[in-house]
Amino acid sequence: MKRLLVAILVILLLVLQYRLWFSDGGLVKMWQLSEALEVQKQENARLLERNRALEAEVIDLKQGLQAIEERARTELGMVKKDETFFQIIDEPKTAEAGQ
């Protein structure tokens, strides 16, 4: 009778251990979710930093004329009155020129 009781308890322990380690809510799944959480935290930190930089740029564009002038010059090629614009174009390198 004791052997049967011990065998039942061992089988029950094995079943519970299996569920603890390998079921959907088990430790393996918990470790995977912990790793995914760390990756997401890093991504969130990167995006938060990007958002702060964009927010600072928006504030600068709303308040300061220097940022608007810089954007107009670099992106639109605008120049002030009485300024001369010079554009330097490099000639494309060909494979024959190097030989």
N, C-alpha and C. Protein backbone atom coordinates (compact mmCIF):
# COMPACT_ATOMS: atom_id res chain seq x y z
N MET A 1 0.82 -1.20 0.00
CA MET A 1 0.00 0.00 0.00
C MET A 1 0.87 1.26 0.00
N LYS A 2 1.99 1.24 0.77
CA LYS A 2 2.87 2.41 0.82
C LYS A 2 3.52 2.64 -0.53
N ARG A 3 3.88 1.57 -1.20
CA ARG A 3 4.51 1.72 -2.52
C ARG A 3 3.55 2.37 -3.51
N LEU A 4 2.31 1.99 -3.46
CA LEU A 4 1.30 2.55 -4.35
C LEU A 4 1.12 4.04 -4.05
N LEU A 5 1.08 4.40 -2.78
CA LEU A 5 0.93 5.80 -2.38
C LEU A 5 2.16 6.62 -2.82
N VAL A 6 3.35 6.07 -2.66
CA VAL A 6 4.58 6.75 -3.07
C VAL A 6 4.59 6.91 -4.60
N ALA A 7 4.19 5.87 -5.33
CA ALA A 7 4.15 5.94 -6.78
C ALA A 7 3.16 7.01 -7.25
N ILE A 8 2.01 7.08 -6.64
CA ILE A 8 1.01 8.10 -7.00
C ILE A 8 1.55 9.50 -6.72
N LEU A 9 2.19 9.68 -5.57
CA LEU A 9 2.75 10.98 -5.23
C LEU A 9 3.88 11.38 -6.18
N VAL A 10 4.73 10.43 -6.58
CA VAL A 10 5.80 10.71 -7.53
C VAL A 10 5.23 11.10 -8.88
N ILE A 11 4.21 10.37 -9.34
CA ILE A 11 3.57 10.70 -10.62
C ILE A 11 2.92 12.08 -10.54
N LEU A 12 2.27 12.38 -9.44
CA LEU A 12 1.65 13.69 -9.25
C LEU A 12 2.71 14.79 -9.25
N LEU A 13 3.84 14.54 -8.58
CA LEU A 13 4.93 15.50 -8.57
C LEU A 13 5.48 15.73 -9.97
N LEU A 14 5.64 14.68 -10.75
CA LEU A 14 6.14 14.81 -12.12
C LEU A 14 5.17 15.59 -13.00
N VAL A 15 3.89 15.35 -12.84
CA VAL A 15 2.89 16.08 -13.62
C VAL A 15 2.92 17.56 -13.25
N LEU A 16 3.01 17.86 -11.98
CA LEU A 16 3.06 19.25 -11.55
C LEU A 16 4.35 19.92 -12.02
N GLN A 17 5.47 19.23 -11.97
CA GLN A 17 6.73 19.78 -12.45
C GLN A 17 6.67 20.05 -13.96
N TYR A 18 6.06 19.14 -14.70
CA TYR A 18 5.92 19.34 -16.14
C TYR A 18 5.12 20.62 -16.42
N ARG A 19 4.02 20.78 -15.70
CA ARG A 19 3.19 21.97 -15.90
C ARG A 19 3.95 23.23 -15.50
N LEU A 20 4.75 23.13 -14.43
CA LEU A 20 5.52 24.29 -13.98
C LEU A 20 6.53 24.72 -15.03
N TRP A 21 7.21 23.81 -15.66
CA TRP A 21 8.29 24.13 -16.58
C TRP A 21 7.83 24.34 -18.02
N PHE A 22 6.87 23.55 -18.50
CA PHE A 22 6.61 23.53 -19.94
C PHE A 22 5.22 23.98 -20.36
N SER A 23 4.32 24.28 -19.46
CA SER A 23 2.98 24.71 -19.88
C SER A 23 3.01 26.16 -20.34
N ASP A 24 1.86 26.66 -20.82
CA ASP A 24 1.78 28.04 -21.32
C ASP A 24 2.14 29.07 -20.27
N GLY A 25 1.83 28.81 -19.03
CA GLY A 25 2.14 29.75 -17.97
C GLY A 25 3.37 29.34 -17.19
N GLY A 26 4.19 28.47 -17.76
CA GLY A 26 5.34 27.92 -17.04
C GLY A 26 6.55 28.85 -17.05
N LEU A 27 7.63 28.36 -16.47
CA LEU A 27 8.84 29.14 -16.32
C LEU A 27 9.51 29.46 -17.65
N VAL A 28 9.47 28.52 -18.59
CA VAL A 28 10.08 28.77 -19.90
C VAL A 28 9.39 29.94 -20.58
N LYS A 29 8.07 29.95 -20.54
CA LYS A 29 7.31 31.06 -21.13
C LYS A 29 7.60 32.36 -20.39
N MET A 30 7.75 32.28 -19.07
CA MET A 30 8.05 33.48 -18.29
C MET A 30 9.41 34.06 -18.68
N TRP A 31 10.41 33.21 -18.91
CA TRP A 31 11.73 33.69 -19.32
C TRP A 31 11.67 34.33 -20.71
N GLN A 32 10.91 33.72 -21.61
CA GLN A 32 10.76 34.30 -22.95
C GLN A 32 10.11 35.67 -22.87
N LEU A 33 9.08 35.78 -22.06
CA LEU A 33 8.38 37.06 -21.91
C LEU A 33 9.27 38.10 -21.24
N SER A 34 10.11 37.69 -20.31
CA SER A 34 11.04 38.62 -19.67
C SER A 34 12.03 39.18 -20.68
N GLU A 35 12.54 38.32 -21.55
CA GLU A 35 13.46 38.78 -22.60
C GLU A 35 12.76 39.73 -23.56
N ALA A 36 11.55 39.39 -23.96
CA ALA A 36 10.78 40.26 -24.86
C ALA A 36 10.50 41.61 -24.19
N LEU A 37 10.25 41.59 -22.89
CA LEU A 37 9.99 42.82 -22.15
C LEU A 37 11.23 43.71 -22.14
N GLU A 38 12.41 43.15 -21.95
CA GLU A 38 13.64 43.93 -21.96
C GLU A 38 13.89 44.56 -23.33
N VAL A 39 13.65 43.79 -24.39
CA VAL A 39 13.82 44.32 -25.74
C VAL A 39 12.85 45.47 -25.97
N GLN A 40 11.61 45.32 -25.52
CA GLN A 40 10.62 46.37 -25.70
C GLN A 40 10.97 47.61 -24.89
N LYS A 41 11.52 47.43 -23.68
CA LYS A 41 11.93 48.57 -22.87
C LYS A 41 13.04 49.35 -23.57
N GLN A 42 13.99 48.65 -24.19
CA GLN A 42 15.06 49.32 -24.91
C GLN A 42 14.51 50.09 -26.11
N GLU A 43 13.59 49.48 -26.83
CA GLU A 43 12.96 50.14 -27.98
C GLU A 43 12.19 51.38 -27.53
N ASN A 44 11.47 51.26 -26.42
CA ASN A 44 10.72 52.40 -25.89
C ASN A 44 11.65 53.53 -25.49
N ALA A 45 12.79 53.21 -24.88
CA ALA A 45 13.75 54.24 -24.49
C ALA A 45 14.30 54.95 -25.73
N ARG A 46 14.59 54.19 -26.78
CA ARG A 46 15.10 54.78 -28.02
C ARG A 46 14.05 55.70 -28.64
N LEU A 47 12.81 55.25 -28.68
CA LEU A 47 11.74 56.07 -29.25
C LEU A 47 11.44 57.30 -28.39
N LEU A 48 11.57 57.17 -27.08
CA LEU A 48 11.36 58.31 -26.19
C LEU A 48 12.41 59.38 -26.46
N GLU A 49 13.65 58.96 -26.64
CA GLU A 49 14.72 59.91 -26.94
C GLU A 49 14.47 60.60 -28.29
N ARG A 50 14.03 59.83 -29.27
CA ARG A 50 13.72 60.41 -30.57
C ARG A 50 12.57 61.41 -30.46
N ASN A 51 11.56 61.07 -29.68
CA ASN A 51 10.43 61.98 -29.49
C ASN A 51 10.85 63.27 -28.80
N ARG A 52 11.76 63.16 -27.83
CA ARG A 52 12.25 64.37 -27.16
C ARG A 52 12.99 65.27 -28.13
N ALA A 53 13.80 64.67 -28.99
CA ALA A 53 14.53 65.46 -29.98
C ALA A 53 13.56 66.14 -30.95
N LEU A 54 12.55 65.41 -31.39
CA LEU A 54 11.55 65.99 -32.29
C LEU A 54 10.75 67.10 -31.60
N GLU A 55 10.44 66.90 -30.33
CA GLU A 55 9.71 67.92 -29.59
C GLU A 55 10.55 69.19 -29.45
N ALA A 56 11.83 69.02 -29.18
CA ALA A 56 12.72 70.19 -29.08
C ALA A 56 12.80 70.92 -30.42
N GLU A 57 12.83 70.16 -31.50
CA GLU A 57 12.89 70.78 -32.83
C GLU A 57 11.60 71.54 -33.13
N VAL A 58 10.48 70.97 -32.76
CA VAL A 58 9.19 71.65 -32.98
C VAL A 58 9.13 72.95 -32.19
N ILE A 59 9.56 72.90 -30.93
CA ILE A 59 9.56 74.12 -30.10
C ILE A 59 10.48 75.16 -30.71
N ASP A 60 11.64 74.71 -31.18
CA ASP A 60 12.59 75.63 -31.80
C ASP A 60 12.00 76.25 -33.06
N LEU A 61 11.31 75.45 -33.86
CA LEU A 61 10.70 75.97 -35.08
C LEU A 61 9.57 76.95 -34.77
N LYS A 62 8.84 76.71 -33.69
CA LYS A 62 7.74 77.60 -33.33
C LYS A 62 8.24 78.92 -32.76
N GLN A 63 9.36 78.88 -32.05
CA GLN A 63 9.80 80.08 -31.33
C GLN A 63 10.93 80.82 -32.03
N GLY A 64 11.83 80.12 -32.66
CA GLY A 64 13.01 80.79 -33.19
C GLY A 64 13.02 80.87 -34.70
N LEU A 65 13.49 81.99 -35.20
CA LEU A 65 13.58 82.16 -36.65
C LEU A 65 14.84 81.51 -37.22
N GLN A 66 15.85 81.28 -36.38
CA GLN A 66 17.08 80.68 -36.87
C GLN A 66 16.85 79.28 -37.41
N ALA A 67 16.04 78.50 -36.72
CA ALA A 67 15.77 77.14 -37.18
C ALA A 67 15.02 77.15 -38.51
N ILE A 68 14.08 78.08 -38.63
CA ILE A 68 13.32 78.18 -39.88
C ILE A 68 14.25 78.61 -41.01
N GLU A 69 15.13 79.57 -40.73
CA GLU A 69 16.06 80.03 -41.75
C GLU A 69 17.02 78.91 -42.16
N GLU A 70 17.49 78.15 -41.20
CA GLU A 70 18.40 77.04 -41.49
C GLU A 70 17.71 75.99 -42.37
N ARG A 71 16.48 75.67 -42.03
CA ARG A 71 15.72 74.71 -42.85
C ARG A 71 15.52 75.24 -44.27
N ALA A 72 15.17 76.51 -44.39
CA ALA A 72 14.93 77.11 -45.71
C ALA A 72 16.21 77.08 -46.54
N ARG A 73 17.34 77.34 -45.91
CA ARG A 73 18.61 77.34 -46.64
C ARG A 73 19.00 75.92 -47.08
N THR A 74 18.92 74.97 -46.17
CA THR A 74 19.40 73.62 -46.49
C THR A 74 18.43 72.84 -47.36
N GLU A 75 17.16 72.93 -47.07
CA GLU A 75 16.19 72.09 -47.78
C GLU A 75 15.63 72.76 -49.04
N LEU A 76 15.52 74.07 -49.01
CA LEU A 76 14.90 74.77 -50.14
C LEU A 76 15.90 75.57 -50.97
N GLY A 77 17.13 75.67 -50.49
CA GLY A 77 18.16 76.40 -51.23
C GLY A 77 17.93 77.90 -51.27
N MET A 78 17.28 78.43 -50.27
CA MET A 78 16.99 79.87 -50.26
C MET A 78 18.22 80.66 -49.83
N VAL A 79 18.34 81.88 -50.33
CA VAL A 79 19.43 82.79 -49.97
C VAL A 79 18.83 84.13 -49.58
N LYS A 80 19.61 84.87 -48.77
CA LYS A 80 19.15 86.20 -48.35
C LYS A 80 19.41 87.20 -49.47
N LYS A 81 18.81 88.35 -49.32
CA LYS A 81 19.01 89.43 -50.27
C LYS A 81 20.48 89.84 -50.23
N ASP A 82 21.05 90.11 -51.39
CA ASP A 82 22.45 90.51 -51.57
C ASP A 82 23.44 89.40 -51.24
N GLU A 83 23.01 88.15 -51.19
CA GLU A 83 23.92 87.03 -51.03
C GLU A 83 24.13 86.37 -52.38
N THR A 84 25.26 85.74 -52.55
CA THR A 84 25.54 85.01 -53.78
C THR A 84 25.61 83.53 -53.43
N PHE A 85 24.92 82.73 -54.20
CA PHE A 85 24.88 81.29 -53.97
C PHE A 85 25.86 80.61 -54.91
N PHE A 86 26.73 79.80 -54.35
CA PHE A 86 27.67 79.01 -55.15
C PHE A 86 27.36 77.55 -54.94
N GLN A 87 27.30 76.81 -56.05
CA GLN A 87 27.07 75.38 -55.98
C GLN A 87 28.24 74.69 -56.65
N ILE A 88 28.88 73.79 -55.93
CA ILE A 88 30.03 73.06 -56.46
C ILE A 88 29.58 71.64 -56.73
N ILE A 89 29.76 71.23 -57.97
CA ILE A 89 29.34 69.89 -58.37
C ILE A 89 30.58 69.09 -58.72
N ASP A 90 30.77 67.97 -58.06
CA ASP A 90 31.88 67.08 -58.37
C ASP A 90 31.55 66.28 -59.62
N GLU A 91 32.56 66.08 -60.45
CA GLU A 91 32.36 65.27 -61.64
C GLU A 91 32.29 63.80 -61.22
N PRO A 92 31.38 63.04 -61.83
CA PRO A 92 31.27 61.63 -61.45
C PRO A 92 32.53 60.87 -61.88
N LYS A 93 32.98 59.98 -61.01
CA LYS A 93 34.14 59.18 -61.32
C LYS A 93 33.72 57.99 -62.16
N THR A 94 34.51 57.72 -63.19
CA THR A 94 34.21 56.55 -64.04
C THR A 94 35.27 55.50 -63.80
N ALA A 95 34.99 54.29 -64.21
CA ALA A 95 35.93 53.18 -64.02
C ALA A 95 37.15 53.36 -64.91
N GLU A 96 36.99 53.99 -66.07
CA GLU A 96 38.09 54.17 -67.01
C GLU A 96 39.08 55.22 -66.50
N ALA A 97 38.63 56.22 -65.79
CA ALA A 97 39.51 57.30 -65.31
C ALA A 97 40.52 56.79 -64.30
N GLY A 98 40.19 55.76 -63.57
CA GLY A 98 41.08 55.24 -62.55
C GLY A 98 42.14 54.32 -63.11
N GLN A 99 42.05 53.91 -64.36
CA GLN A 99 43.01 52.95 -64.92
C GLN A 99 44.14 53.61 -65.63
